[in-house]
Amino acid sequence: MVQSKAADVDAFLADADPARRPWLERLRAMAQANLPGHVEGMQWGMPVYTVDGKAIIAFASQKQYVSVYLTGVTVPPQYEEAWSRLDHGKGCVRFPKPETIDFDLLAAILRDGVKA
């Protein structure tokens, strides 16, 4: 994994590949808008959004793709079919082309799938 040495998310975004920066900024905005009471920070060399001390979502700009890590989220049943079509592992989804990031799906999963 490509890890950033940035001290905060603003620095992470400033250091990002200019071609990917708009997509990463959009991921940031999506996380902020859909996680009431979140705390934004850097962990594991990437932006992480926590709620009540639990990491919920993180993202990174890897060499071949943008990755989104859903750590404190369960994919609700109504989104499982759409989720299954994405290139994903247990808690990570990879987008080789940032323009294919499904912001609506990720936002819905955050809204409806955060564990209490």
PDB file of N, CA and C in Angstrom:
ATOM      1  N   MET A   1       0.838  -1.167   0.000  1.00  0.00           N
ATOM      2  CA  MET A   1       0.000   0.000   0.000  1.00  0.00           C
ATOM      3  C   MET A   1       0.887   1.235   0.000  1.00  0.00           C
ATOM      4  N   VAL A   2       0.489   2.226  -0.762  1.00  0.00           N
ATOM      5  CA  VAL A   2       1.176   3.501  -0.781  1.00  0.00           C
ATOM      6  C   VAL A   2       0.670   4.301   0.412  1.00  0.00           C
ATOM      7  N   GLN A   3       1.572   4.619   1.341  1.00  0.00           N
ATOM      8  CA  GLN A   3       1.172   5.365   2.522  1.00  0.00           C
ATOM      9  C   GLN A   3       1.709   6.783   2.433  1.00  0.00           C
ATOM     10  N   SER A   4       0.868   7.723   2.775  1.00  0.00           N
ATOM     11  CA  SER A   4       1.246   9.123   2.803  1.00  0.00           C
ATOM     12  C   SER A   4       1.916   9.440   4.137  1.00  0.00           C
ATOM     13  N   LYS A   5       2.832  10.360   4.104  1.00  0.00           N
ATOM     14  CA  LYS A   5       3.453  10.841   5.334  1.00  0.00           C
ATOM     15  C   LYS A   5       2.836  12.172   5.765  1.00  0.00           C
ATOM     16  N   ALA A   6       1.746  12.561   5.126  1.00  0.00           N
ATOM     17  CA  ALA A   6       1.077  13.823   5.428  1.00  0.00           C
ATOM     18  C   ALA A   6       0.584  13.829   6.871  1.00  0.00           C
ATOM     19  N   ALA A   7       0.665  15.004   7.493  1.00  0.00           N
ATOM     20  CA  ALA A   7       0.245  15.147   8.884  1.00  0.00           C
ATOM     21  C   ALA A   7      -1.273  15.288   9.025  1.00  0.00           C
ATOM     22  N   ASP A   8      -1.924  15.779   7.970  1.00  0.00           N
ATOM     23  CA  ASP A   8      -3.372  15.940   8.027  1.00  0.00           C
ATOM     24  C   ASP A   8      -3.966  15.755   6.632  1.00  0.00           C
ATOM     25  N   VAL A   9      -5.276  15.763   6.559  1.00  0.00           N
ATOM     26  CA  VAL A   9      -5.955  15.470   5.295  1.00  0.00           C
ATOM     27  C   VAL A   9      -5.702  16.572   4.263  1.00  0.00           C
ATOM     28  N   ASP A  10      -5.628  17.813   4.703  1.00  0.00           N
ATOM     29  CA  ASP A  10      -5.319  18.893   3.763  1.00  0.00           C
ATOM     30  C   ASP A  10      -3.973  18.650   3.085  1.00  0.00           C
ATOM     31  N   ALA A  11      -2.974  18.257   3.855  1.00  0.00           N
ATOM     32  CA  ALA A  11      -1.647  17.969   3.288  1.00  0.00           C
ATOM     33  C   ALA A  11      -1.693  16.736   2.394  1.00  0.00           C
ATOM     34  N   PHE A  12      -2.468  15.728   2.792  1.00  0.00           N
ATOM     35  CA  PHE A  12      -2.635  14.530   1.965  1.00  0.00           C
ATOM     36  C   PHE A  12      -3.165  14.912   0.584  1.00  0.00           C
ATOM     37  N   LEU A  13      -4.214  15.740   0.580  1.00  0.00           N
ATOM     38  CA  LEU A  13      -4.813  16.150  -0.688  1.00  0.00           C
ATOM     39  C   LEU A  13      -3.865  17.021  -1.500  1.00  0.00           C
ATOM     40  N   ALA A  14      -3.131  17.888  -0.843  1.00  0.00           N
ATOM     41  CA  ALA A  14      -2.176  18.748  -1.547  1.00  0.00           C
ATOM     42  C   ALA A  14      -1.073  17.929  -2.206  1.00  0.00           C
ATOM     43  N   ASP A  15      -0.697  16.816  -1.574  1.00  0.00           N
ATOM     44  CA  ASP A  15       0.363  15.952  -2.108  1.00  0.00           C
ATOM     45  C   ASP A  15      -0.136  14.965  -3.156  1.00  0.00           C
ATOM     46  N   ALA A  16      -1.451  14.819  -3.298  1.00  0.00           N
ATOM     47  CA  ALA A  16      -2.028  13.810  -4.195  1.00  0.00           C
ATOM     48  C   ALA A  16      -1.775  14.153  -5.661  1.00  0.00           C
ATOM     49  N   ASP A  17      -1.781  13.120  -6.480  1.00  0.00           N
ATOM     50  CA  ASP A  17      -1.692  13.292  -7.929  1.00  0.00           C
ATOM     51  C   ASP A  17      -2.787  14.257  -8.359  1.00  0.00           C
ATOM     52  N   PRO A  18      -2.429  15.331  -9.070  1.00  0.00           N
ATOM     53  CA  PRO A  18      -3.442  16.317  -9.471  1.00  0.00           C
ATOM     54  C   PRO A  18      -4.608  15.718 -10.263  1.00  0.00           C
ATOM     55  N   ALA A  19      -4.362  14.651 -11.002  1.00  0.00           N
ATOM     56  CA  ALA A  19      -5.446  14.026 -11.768  1.00  0.00           C
ATOM     57  C   ALA A  19      -6.437  13.312 -10.850  1.00  0.00           C
ATOM     58  N   ARG A  20      -5.973  12.859  -9.701  1.00  0.00           N
ATOM     59  CA  ARG A  20      -6.850  12.151  -8.761  1.00  0.00           C
ATOM     60  C   ARG A  20      -7.407  13.060  -7.671  1.00  0.00           C
ATOM     61  N   ARG A  21      -6.790  14.195  -7.460  1.00  0.00           N
ATOM     62  CA  ARG A  21      -7.168  15.070  -6.349  1.00  0.00           C
ATOM     63  C   ARG A  21      -8.667  15.388  -6.311  1.00  0.00           C
ATOM     64  N   PRO A  22      -9.310  15.745  -7.432  1.00  0.00           N
ATOM     65  CA  PRO A  22     -10.748  16.047  -7.352  1.00  0.00           C
ATOM     66  C   PRO A  22     -11.580  14.875  -6.839  1.00  0.00           C
ATOM     67  N   TRP A  23     -11.194  13.665  -7.183  1.00  0.00           N
ATOM     68  CA  TRP A  23     -11.941  12.477  -6.745  1.00  0.00           C
ATOM     69  C   TRP A  23     -11.708  12.226  -5.256  1.00  0.00           C
ATOM     70  N   LEU A  24     -10.477  12.450  -4.806  1.00  0.00           N
ATOM     71  CA  LEU A  24     -10.166  12.283  -3.390  1.00  0.00           C
ATOM     72  C   LEU A  24     -10.879  13.352  -2.558  1.00  0.00           C
ATOM     73  N   GLU A  25     -10.929  14.576  -3.085  1.00  0.00           N
ATOM     74  CA  GLU A  25     -11.661  15.637  -2.394  1.00  0.00           C
ATOM     75  C   GLU A  25     -13.149  15.308  -2.314  1.00  0.00           C
ATOM     76  N   ARG A  26     -13.652  14.691  -3.353  1.00  0.00           N
ATOM     77  CA  ARG A  26     -15.062  14.298  -3.360  1.00  0.00           C
ATOM     78  C   ARG A  26     -15.333  13.176  -2.356  1.00  0.00           C
ATOM     79  N   LEU A  27     -14.372  12.237  -2.214  1.00  0.00           N
ATOM     80  CA  LEU A  27     -14.510  11.194  -1.189  1.00  0.00           C
ATOM     81  C   LEU A  27     -14.538  11.826   0.198  1.00  0.00           C
ATOM     82  N   ARG A  28     -13.669  12.813   0.410  1.00  0.00           N
ATOM     83  CA  ARG A  28     -13.641  13.510   1.694  1.00  0.00           C
ATOM     84  C   ARG A  28     -15.001  14.148   1.976  1.00  0.00           C
ATOM     85  N   ALA A  29     -15.519  14.876   1.016  1.00  0.00           N
ATOM     86  CA  ALA A  29     -16.807  15.558   1.189  1.00  0.00           C
ATOM     87  C   ALA A  29     -17.933  14.562   1.429  1.00  0.00           C
ATOM     88  N   MET A  30     -17.901  13.432   0.723  1.00  0.00           N
ATOM     89  CA  MET A  30     -18.928  12.407   0.882  1.00  0.00           C
ATOM     90  C   MET A  30     -18.884  11.825   2.296  1.00  0.00           C
ATOM     91  N   ALA A  31     -17.684  11.543   2.796  1.00  0.00           N
ATOM     92  CA  ALA A  31     -17.559  11.010   4.155  1.00  0.00           C
ATOM     93  C   ALA A  31     -18.049  12.036   5.172  1.00  0.00           C
ATOM     94  N   GLN A  32     -17.634  13.274   5.019  1.00  0.00           N
ATOM     95  CA  GLN A  32     -18.040  14.324   5.955  1.00  0.00           C
ATOM     96  C   GLN A  32     -19.556  14.516   5.968  1.00  0.00           C
ATOM     97  N   ALA A  33     -20.167  14.474   4.805  1.00  0.00           N
ATOM     98  CA  ALA A  33     -21.609  14.721   4.699  1.00  0.00           C
ATOM     99  C   ALA A  33     -22.453  13.578   5.249  1.00  0.00           C
ATOM    100  N   ASN A  34     -21.902  12.373   5.276  1.00  0.00           N
ATOM    101  CA  ASN A  34     -22.709  11.207   5.626  1.00  0.00           C
ATOM    102  C   ASN A  34     -22.360  10.576   6.962  1.00  0.00           C
ATOM    103  N   LEU A  35     -21.453  11.213   7.702  1.00  0.00           N
ATOM    104  CA  LEU A  35     -21.091  10.697   9.021  1.00  0.00           C
ATOM    105  C   LEU A  35     -21.241  11.790  10.075  1.00  0.00           C
ATOM    106  N   PRO A  36     -22.432  12.005  10.559  1.00  0.00           N
ATOM    107  CA  PRO A  36     -22.617  13.015  11.601  1.00  0.00           C
ATOM    108  C   PRO A  36     -21.735  12.695  12.807  1.00  0.00           C
ATOM    109  N   GLY A  37     -21.119  13.721  13.357  1.00  0.00           N
ATOM    110  CA  GLY A  37     -20.281  13.532  14.542  1.00  0.00           C
ATOM    111  C   GLY A  37     -18.938  12.894  14.265  1.00  0.00           C
ATOM    112  N   HIS A  38     -18.513  12.868  13.010  1.00  0.00           N
ATOM    113  CA  HIS A  38     -17.238  12.236  12.656  1.00  0.00           C
ATOM    114  C   HIS A  38     -16.052  13.082  13.122  1.00  0.00           C
ATOM    115  N   VAL A  39     -14.908  12.412  13.232  1.00  0.00           N
ATOM    116  CA  VAL A  39     -13.627  13.073  13.445  1.00  0.00           C
ATOM    117  C   VAL A  39     -12.742  12.677  12.273  1.00  0.00           C
ATOM    118  N   GLU A  40     -12.174  13.665  11.619  1.00  0.00           N
ATOM    119  CA  GLU A  40     -11.291  13.427  10.476  1.00  0.00           C
ATOM    120  C   GLU A  40      -9.854  13.405  10.974  1.00  0.00           C
ATOM    121  N   GLY A  41      -9.081  12.454  10.481  1.00  0.00           N
ATOM    122  CA  GLY A  41      -7.675  12.378  10.855  1.00  0.00           C
ATOM    123  C   GLY A  41      -6.896  11.530   9.878  1.00  0.00           C
ATOM    124  N   MET A  42      -5.642  11.307  10.197  1.00  0.00           N
ATOM    125  CA  MET A  42      -4.768  10.459   9.390  1.00  0.00           C
ATOM    126  C   MET A  42      -4.356   9.264  10.234  1.00  0.00           C
ATOM    127  N   GLN A  43      -4.523   8.072   9.689  1.00  0.00           N
ATOM    128  CA  GLN A  43      -4.036   6.826  10.279  1.00  0.00           C
ATOM    129  C   GLN A  43      -3.598   5.940   9.137  1.00  0.00           C
ATOM    130  N   TRP A  44      -2.639   5.097   9.383  1.00  0.00           N
ATOM    131  CA  TRP A  44      -2.177   4.136   8.379  1.00  0.00           C
ATOM    132  C   TRP A  44      -1.779   4.838   7.079  1.00  0.00           C
ATOM    133  N   GLY A  45      -1.406   6.111   7.152  1.00  0.00           N
ATOM    134  CA  GLY A  45      -0.979   6.854   5.972  1.00  0.00           C
ATOM    135  C   GLY A  45      -2.112   7.262   5.048  1.00  0.00           C
ATOM    136  N   MET A  46      -3.332   7.366   5.580  1.00  0.00           N
ATOM    137  CA  MET A  46      -4.469   7.766   4.743  1.00  0.00           C
ATOM    138  C   MET A  46      -5.511   8.477   5.589  1.00  0.00           C
ATOM    139  N   PRO A  47      -6.389   9.247   4.941  1.00  0.00           N
ATOM    140  CA  PRO A  47      -7.480   9.890   5.672  1.00  0.00           C
ATOM    141  C   PRO A  47      -8.430   8.839   6.255  1.00  0.00           C
ATOM    142  N   VAL A  48      -8.797   9.071   7.509  1.00  0.00           N
ATOM    143  CA  VAL A  48      -9.690   8.158   8.223  1.00  0.00           C
ATOM    144  C   VAL A  48     -10.756   8.998   8.919  1.00  0.00           C
ATOM    145  N   TYR A  49     -11.985   8.492   8.889  1.00  0.00           N
ATOM    146  CA  TYR A  49     -13.111   9.161   9.517  1.00  0.00           C
ATOM    147  C   TYR A  49     -13.647   8.243  10.600  1.00  0.00           C
ATOM    148  N   THR A  50     -13.641   8.744  11.832  1.00  0.00           N
ATOM    149  CA  THR A  50     -14.077   7.947  12.966  1.00  0.00           C
ATOM    150  C   THR A  50     -15.346   8.547  13.565  1.00  0.00           C
ATOM    151  N   VAL A  51     -16.127   7.693  14.179  1.00  0.00           N
ATOM    152  CA  VAL A  51     -17.310   8.095  14.931  1.00  0.00           C
ATOM    153  C   VAL A  51     -17.233   7.352  16.261  1.00  0.00           C
ATOM    154  N   ASP A  52     -17.335   8.090  17.351  1.00  0.00           N
ATOM    155  CA  ASP A  52     -17.238   7.506  18.697  1.00  0.00           C
ATOM    156  C   ASP A  52     -15.972   6.668  18.859  1.00  0.00           C
ATOM    157  N   GLY A  53     -14.876   7.149  18.277  1.00  0.00           N
ATOM    158  CA  GLY A  53     -13.588   6.472  18.408  1.00  0.00           C
ATOM    159  C   GLY A  53     -13.375   5.272  17.500  1.00  0.00           C
ATOM    160  N   LYS A  54     -14.377   4.920  16.678  1.00  0.00           N
ATOM    161  CA  LYS A  54     -14.250   3.766  15.772  1.00  0.00           C
ATOM    162  C   LYS A  54     -14.027   4.242  14.344  1.00  0.00           C
ATOM    163  N   ALA A  55     -13.004   3.686  13.700  1.00  0.00           N
ATOM    164  CA  ALA A  55     -12.771   3.998  12.286  1.00  0.00           C
ATOM    165  C   ALA A  55     -13.942   3.458  11.476  1.00  0.00           C
ATOM    166  N   ILE A  56     -14.506   4.318  10.620  1.00  0.00           N
ATOM    167  CA  ILE A  56     -15.646   3.924   9.798  1.00  0.00           C
ATOM    168  C   ILE A  56     -15.241   3.792   8.338  1.00  0.00           C
ATOM    169  N   ILE A  57     -14.537   4.801   7.826  1.00  0.00           N
ATOM    170  CA  ILE A  57     -14.132   4.804   6.429  1.00  0.00           C
ATOM    171  C   ILE A  57     -12.767   5.461   6.310  1.00  0.00           C
ATOM    172  N   ALA A  58     -11.980   4.959   5.372  1.00  0.00           N
ATOM    173  CA  ALA A  58     -10.681   5.529   5.040  1.00  0.00           C
ATOM    174  C   ALA A  58     -10.513   5.405   3.540  1.00  0.00           C
ATOM    175  N   PHE A  59      -9.618   6.202   2.973  1.00  0.00           N
ATOM    176  CA  PHE A  59      -9.342   6.057   1.543  1.00  0.00           C
ATOM    177  C   PHE A  59      -7.890   6.382   1.249  1.00  0.00           C
ATOM    178  N   ALA A  60      -7.417   5.851   0.140  1.00  0.00           N
ATOM    179  CA  ALA A  60      -6.017   6.041  -0.254  1.00  0.00           C
ATOM    180  C   ALA A  60      -5.904   6.067  -1.765  1.00  0.00           C
ATOM    181  N   SER A  61      -4.867   6.719  -2.213  1.00  0.00           N
ATOM    182  CA  SER A  61      -4.552   6.738  -3.637  1.00  0.00           C
ATOM    183  C   SER A  61      -3.393   5.786  -3.855  1.00  0.00           C
ATOM    184  N   GLN A  62      -3.699   4.598  -4.325  1.00  0.00           N
ATOM    185  CA  GLN A  62      -2.682   3.582  -4.574  1.00  0.00           C
ATOM    186  C   GLN A  62      -2.075   3.783  -5.960  1.00  0.00           C
ATOM    187  N   LYS A  63      -1.092   3.003  -6.271  1.00  0.00           N
ATOM    188  CA  LYS A  63      -0.434   3.143  -7.575  1.00  0.00           C
ATOM    189  C   LYS A  63      -1.383   2.877  -8.739  1.00  0.00           C
ATOM    190  N   GLN A  64      -2.204   1.835  -8.624  1.00  0.00           N
ATOM    191  CA  GLN A  64      -3.066   1.413  -9.721  1.00  0.00           C
ATOM    192  C   GLN A  64      -4.551   1.736  -9.522  1.00  0.00           C
ATOM    193  N   TYR A  65      -4.916   2.245  -8.351  1.00  0.00           N
ATOM    194  CA  TYR A  65      -6.331   2.468  -8.081  1.00  0.00           C
ATOM    195  C   TYR A  65      -6.513   3.372  -6.867  1.00  0.00           C
ATOM    196  N   VAL A  66      -7.728   3.847  -6.690  1.00  0.00           N
ATOM    197  CA  VAL A  66      -8.142   4.514  -5.457  1.00  0.00           C
ATOM    198  C   VAL A  66      -8.849   3.451  -4.626  1.00  0.00           C
ATOM    199  N   SER A  67      -8.464   3.342  -3.378  1.00  0.00           N
ATOM    200  CA  SER A  67      -9.091   2.348  -2.513  1.00  0.00           C
ATOM    201  C   SER A  67      -9.904   3.041  -1.417  1.00  0.00           C
ATOM    202  N   VAL A  68     -11.009   2.415  -1.088  1.00  0.00           N
ATOM    203  CA  VAL A  68     -11.875   2.891  -0.023  1.00  0.00           C
ATOM    204  C   VAL A  68     -12.045   1.733   0.952  1.00  0.00           C
ATOM    205  N   TYR A  69     -11.753   1.994   2.220  1.00  0.00           N
ATOM    206  CA  TYR A  69     -11.833   0.974   3.254  1.00  0.00           C
ATOM    207  C   TYR A  69     -13.042   1.266   4.136  1.00  0.00           C
ATOM    208  N   LEU A  70     -13.942   0.327   4.205  1.00  0.00           N
ATOM    209  CA  LEU A  70     -15.130   0.442   5.048  1.00  0.00           C
ATOM    210  C   LEU A  70     -14.926  -0.476   6.240  1.00  0.00           C
ATOM    211  N   THR A  71     -14.481   0.091   7.362  1.00  0.00           N
ATOM    212  CA  THR A  71     -14.103  -0.738   8.506  1.00  0.00           C
ATOM    213  C   THR A  71     -15.189  -0.846   9.563  1.00  0.00           C
ATOM    214  N   GLY A  72     -15.982   0.196   9.720  1.00  0.00           N
ATOM    215  CA  GLY A  72     -17.015   0.179  10.737  1.00  0.00           C
ATOM    216  C   GLY A  72     -18.399   0.157  10.122  1.00  0.00           C
ATOM    217  N   VAL A  73     -18.498  -0.489   8.966  1.00  0.00           N
ATOM    218  CA  VAL A  73     -19.741  -0.466   8.198  1.00  0.00           C
ATOM    219  C   VAL A  73     -20.095  -1.888   7.762  1.00  0.00           C
ATOM    220  N   THR A  74     -21.363  -2.196   7.855  1.00  0.00           N
ATOM    221  CA  THR A  74     -21.888  -3.424   7.278  1.00  0.00           C
ATOM    222  C   THR A  74     -22.690  -3.029   6.043  1.00  0.00           C
ATOM    223  N   VAL A  75     -22.432  -3.697   4.918  1.00  0.00           N
ATOM    224  CA  VAL A  75     -23.186  -3.383   3.706  1.00  0.00           C
ATOM    225  C   VAL A  75     -24.620  -3.894   3.913  1.00  0.00           C
ATOM    226  N   PRO A  76     -25.599  -2.985   3.964  1.00  0.00           N
ATOM    227  CA  PRO A  76     -26.984  -3.408   4.158  1.00  0.00           C
ATOM    228  C   PRO A  76     -27.475  -4.266   2.986  1.00  0.00           C
ATOM    229  N   PRO A  77     -28.408  -5.157   3.241  1.00  0.00           N
ATOM    230  CA  PRO A  77     -28.883  -6.078   2.209  1.00  0.00           C
ATOM    231  C   PRO A  77     -29.334  -5.400   0.918  1.00  0.00           C
ATOM    232  N   GLN A  78     -29.954  -4.239   1.018  1.00  0.00           N
ATOM    233  CA  GLN A  78     -30.464  -3.578  -0.185  1.00  0.00           C
ATOM    234  C   GLN A  78     -29.347  -3.089  -1.111  1.00  0.00           C
ATOM    235  N   TYR A  79     -28.091  -3.068  -0.622  1.00  0.00           N
ATOM    236  CA  TYR A  79     -26.961  -2.608  -1.440  1.00  0.00           C
ATOM    237  C   TYR A  79     -26.002  -3.742  -1.815  1.00  0.00           C
ATOM    238  N   GLU A  80     -26.282  -4.950  -1.354  1.00  0.00           N
ATOM    239  CA  GLU A  80     -25.353  -6.063  -1.589  1.00  0.00           C
ATOM    240  C   GLU A  80     -25.153  -6.361  -3.076  1.00  0.00           C
ATOM    241  N   GLU A  81     -26.198  -6.293  -3.875  1.00  0.00           N
ATOM    242  CA  GLU A  81     -26.057  -6.587  -5.304  1.00  0.00           C
ATOM    243  C   GLU A  81     -25.136  -5.568  -5.977  1.00  0.00           C
ATOM    244  N   ALA A  82     -25.364  -4.293  -5.730  1.00  0.00           N
ATOM    245  CA  ALA A  82     -24.506  -3.258  -6.312  1.00  0.00           C
ATOM    246  C   ALA A  82     -23.079  -3.393  -5.801  1.00  0.00           C
ATOM    247  N   TRP A  83     -22.916  -3.677  -4.519  1.00  0.00           N
ATOM    248  CA  TRP A  83     -21.596  -3.864  -3.927  1.00  0.00           C
ATOM    249  C   TRP A  83     -20.875  -5.042  -4.573  1.00  0.00           C
ATOM    250  N   SER A  84     -21.597  -6.113  -4.853  1.00  0.00           N
ATOM    251  CA  SER A  84     -20.983  -7.328  -5.412  1.00  0.00           C
ATOM    252  C   SER A  84     -20.398  -7.094  -6.801  1.00  0.00           C
ATOM    253  N   ARG A  85     -20.873  -6.071  -7.502  1.00  0.00           N
ATOM    254  CA  ARG A  85     -20.355  -5.780  -8.845  1.00  0.00           C
ATOM    255  C   ARG A  85     -19.046  -4.992  -8.814  1.00  0.00           C
ATOM    256  N   LEU A  86     -18.666  -4.511  -7.634  1.00  0.00           N
ATOM    257  CA  LEU A  86     -17.435  -3.730  -7.508  1.00  0.00           C
ATOM    258  C   LEU A  86     -16.253  -4.653  -7.237  1.00  0.00           C
ATOM    259  N   ASP A  87     -15.052  -4.174  -7.546  1.00  0.00           N
ATOM    260  CA  ASP A  87     -13.811  -4.899  -7.252  1.00  0.00           C
ATOM    261  C   ASP A  87     -13.513  -4.678  -5.772  1.00  0.00           C
ATOM    262  N   HIS A  88     -13.858  -5.678  -4.944  1.00  0.00           N
ATOM    263  CA  HIS A  88     -13.723  -5.484  -3.511  1.00  0.00           C
ATOM    264  C   HIS A  88     -13.217  -6.725  -2.811  1.00  0.00           C
ATOM    265  N   GLY A  89     -12.683  -6.491  -1.629  1.00  0.00           N
ATOM    266  CA  GLY A  89     -12.322  -7.542  -0.697  1.00  0.00           C
ATOM    267  C   GLY A  89     -13.277  -7.443   0.479  1.00  0.00           C
ATOM    268  N   LYS A  90     -12.874  -7.961   1.622  1.00  0.00           N
ATOM    269  CA  LYS A  90     -13.758  -7.963   2.784  1.00  0.00           C
ATOM    270  C   LYS A  90     -14.172  -6.548   3.199  1.00  0.00           C
ATOM    271  N   GLY A  91     -13.230  -5.632   3.290  1.00  0.00           N
ATOM    272  CA  GLY A  91     -13.572  -4.289   3.736  1.00  0.00           C
ATOM    273  C   GLY A  91     -13.036  -3.189   2.843  1.00  0.00           C
ATOM    274  N   CYS A  92     -12.564  -3.559   1.677  1.00  0.00           N
ATOM    275  CA  CYS A  92     -11.943  -2.587   0.785  1.00  0.00           C
ATOM    276  C   CYS A  92     -12.551  -2.698  -0.604  1.00  0.00           C
ATOM    277  N   VAL A  93     -12.763  -1.565  -1.218  1.00  0.00           N
ATOM    278  CA  VAL A  93     -13.214  -1.548  -2.605  1.00  0.00           C
ATOM    279  C   VAL A  93     -12.188  -0.751  -3.392  1.00  0.00           C
ATOM    280  N   ARG A  94     -11.870  -1.250  -4.585  1.00  0.00           N
ATOM    281  CA  ARG A  94     -10.832  -0.638  -5.422  1.00  0.00           C
ATOM    282  C   ARG A  94     -11.451  -0.090  -6.700  1.00  0.00           C
ATOM    283  N   PHE A  95     -11.062   1.127  -7.034  1.00  0.00           N
ATOM    284  CA  PHE A  95     -11.538   1.781  -8.247  1.00  0.00           C
ATOM    285  C   PHE A  95     -10.337   2.107  -9.127  1.00  0.00           C
ATOM    286  N   PRO A  96     -10.060   1.264 -10.150  1.00  0.00           N
ATOM    287  CA  PRO A  96      -8.909   1.531 -11.023  1.00  0.00           C
ATOM    288  C   PRO A  96      -9.005   2.878 -11.736  1.00  0.00           C
ATOM    289  N   LYS A  97     -10.218   3.305 -12.029  1.00  0.00           N
ATOM    290  CA  LYS A  97     -10.443   4.609 -12.643  1.00  0.00           C
ATOM    291  C   LYS A  97     -11.278   5.423 -11.658  1.00  0.00           C
ATOM    292  N   PRO A  98     -10.721   6.502 -11.131  1.00  0.00           N
ATOM    293  CA  PRO A  98     -11.460   7.254 -10.117  1.00  0.00           C
ATOM    294  C   PRO A  98     -12.824   7.741 -10.589  1.00  0.00           C
ATOM    295  N   GLU A  99     -12.968   7.952 -11.879  1.00  0.00           N
ATOM    296  CA  GLU A  99     -14.265   8.428 -12.381  1.00  0.00           C
ATOM    297  C   GLU A  99     -15.362   7.364 -12.248  1.00  0.00           C
ATOM    298  N   THR A 100     -14.990   6.139 -11.899  1.00  0.00           N
ATOM    299  CA  THR A 100     -15.990   5.087 -11.703  1.00  0.00           C
ATOM    300  C   THR A 100     -16.410   4.937 -10.239  1.00  0.00           C
ATOM    301  N   ILE A 101     -15.885   5.781  -9.351  1.00  0.00           N
ATOM    302  CA  ILE A 101     -16.263   5.691  -7.943  1.00  0.00           C
ATOM    303  C   ILE A 101     -17.771   5.927  -7.830  1.00  0.00           C
ATOM    304  N   ASP A 102     -18.434   5.012  -7.183  1.00  0.00           N
ATOM    305  CA  ASP A 102     -19.889   5.105  -7.002  1.00  0.00           C
ATOM    306  C   ASP A 102     -20.170   5.841  -5.694  1.00  0.00           C
ATOM    307  N   PHE A 103     -20.135   7.165  -5.759  1.00  0.00           N
ATOM    308  CA  PHE A 103     -20.332   7.997  -4.577  1.00  0.00           C
ATOM    309  C   PHE A 103     -21.715   7.794  -3.965  1.00  0.00           C
ATOM    310  N   ASP A 104     -22.721   7.620  -4.799  1.00  0.00           N
ATOM    311  CA  ASP A 104     -24.078   7.430  -4.281  1.00  0.00           C
ATOM    312  C   ASP A 104     -24.171   6.146  -3.465  1.00  0.00           C
ATOM    313  N   LEU A 105     -23.578   5.074  -3.976  1.00  0.00           N
ATOM    314  CA  LEU A 105     -23.600   3.805  -3.252  1.00  0.00           C
ATOM    315  C   LEU A 105     -22.823   3.917  -1.945  1.00  0.00           C
ATOM    316  N   LEU A 106     -21.631   4.491  -1.991  1.00  0.00           N
ATOM    317  CA  LEU A 106     -20.836   4.633  -0.767  1.00  0.00           C
ATOM    318  C   LEU A 106     -21.563   5.486   0.268  1.00  0.00           C
ATOM    319  N   ALA A 107     -22.185   6.568  -0.165  1.00  0.00           N
ATOM    320  CA  ALA A 107     -22.932   7.431   0.747  1.00  0.00           C
ATOM    321  C   ALA A 107     -24.098   6.663   1.375  1.00  0.00           C
ATOM    322  N   ALA A 108     -24.810   5.904   0.574  1.00  0.00           N
ATOM    323  CA  ALA A 108     -25.948   5.135   1.091  1.00  0.00           C
ATOM    324  C   ALA A 108     -25.483   4.088   2.099  1.00  0.00           C
ATOM    325  N   ILE A 109     -24.370   3.430   1.822  1.00  0.00           N
ATOM    326  CA  ILE A 109     -23.836   2.435   2.747  1.00  0.00           C
ATOM    327  C   ILE A 109     -23.434   3.106   4.045  1.00  0.00           C
ATOM    328  N   LEU A 110     -22.814   4.277   3.973  1.00  0.00           N
ATOM    329  CA  LEU A 110     -22.448   4.995   5.202  1.00  0.00           C
ATOM    330  C   LEU A 110     -23.696   5.382   5.999  1.00  0.00           C
ATOM    331  N   ARG A 111     -24.685   5.918   5.322  1.00  0.00           N
ATOM    332  CA  ARG A 111     -25.908   6.348   6.003  1.00  0.00           C
ATOM    333  C   ARG A 111     -26.625   5.179   6.668  1.00  0.00           C
ATOM    334  N   ASP A 112     -26.694   4.057   5.968  1.00  0.00           N
ATOM    335  CA  ASP A 112     -27.535   2.951   6.423  1.00  0.00           C
ATOM    336  C   ASP A 112     -26.768   1.799   7.075  1.00  0.00           C
ATOM    337  N   GLY A 113     -25.449   1.788   6.972  1.00  0.00           N
ATOM    338  CA  GLY A 113     -24.717   0.612   7.408  1.00  0.00           C
ATOM    339  C   GLY A 113     -23.764   0.794   8.578  1.00  0.00           C
ATOM    340  N   VAL A 114     -23.658   2.019   9.107  1.00  0.00           N
ATOM    341  CA  VAL A 114     -22.746   2.220  10.238  1.00  0.00           C
ATOM    342  C   VAL A 114     -23.262   1.464  11.446  1.00  0.00           C
ATOM    343  N   LYS A 115     -22.369   0.665  12.038  1.00  0.00           N
ATOM    344  CA  LYS A 115     -22.735  -0.129  13.210  1.00  0.00           C
ATOM    345  C   LYS A 115     -22.945   0.772  14.414  1.00  0.00           C
ATOM    346  N   ALA A 116     -23.951   0.495  15.142  1.00  0.00           N
ATOM    347  CA  ALA A 116     -24.237   1.293  16.350  1.00  0.00           C
ATOM    348  C   ALA A 116     -23.323   0.921  17.480  1.00  0.00           C
TER     349      ALA A 116
END
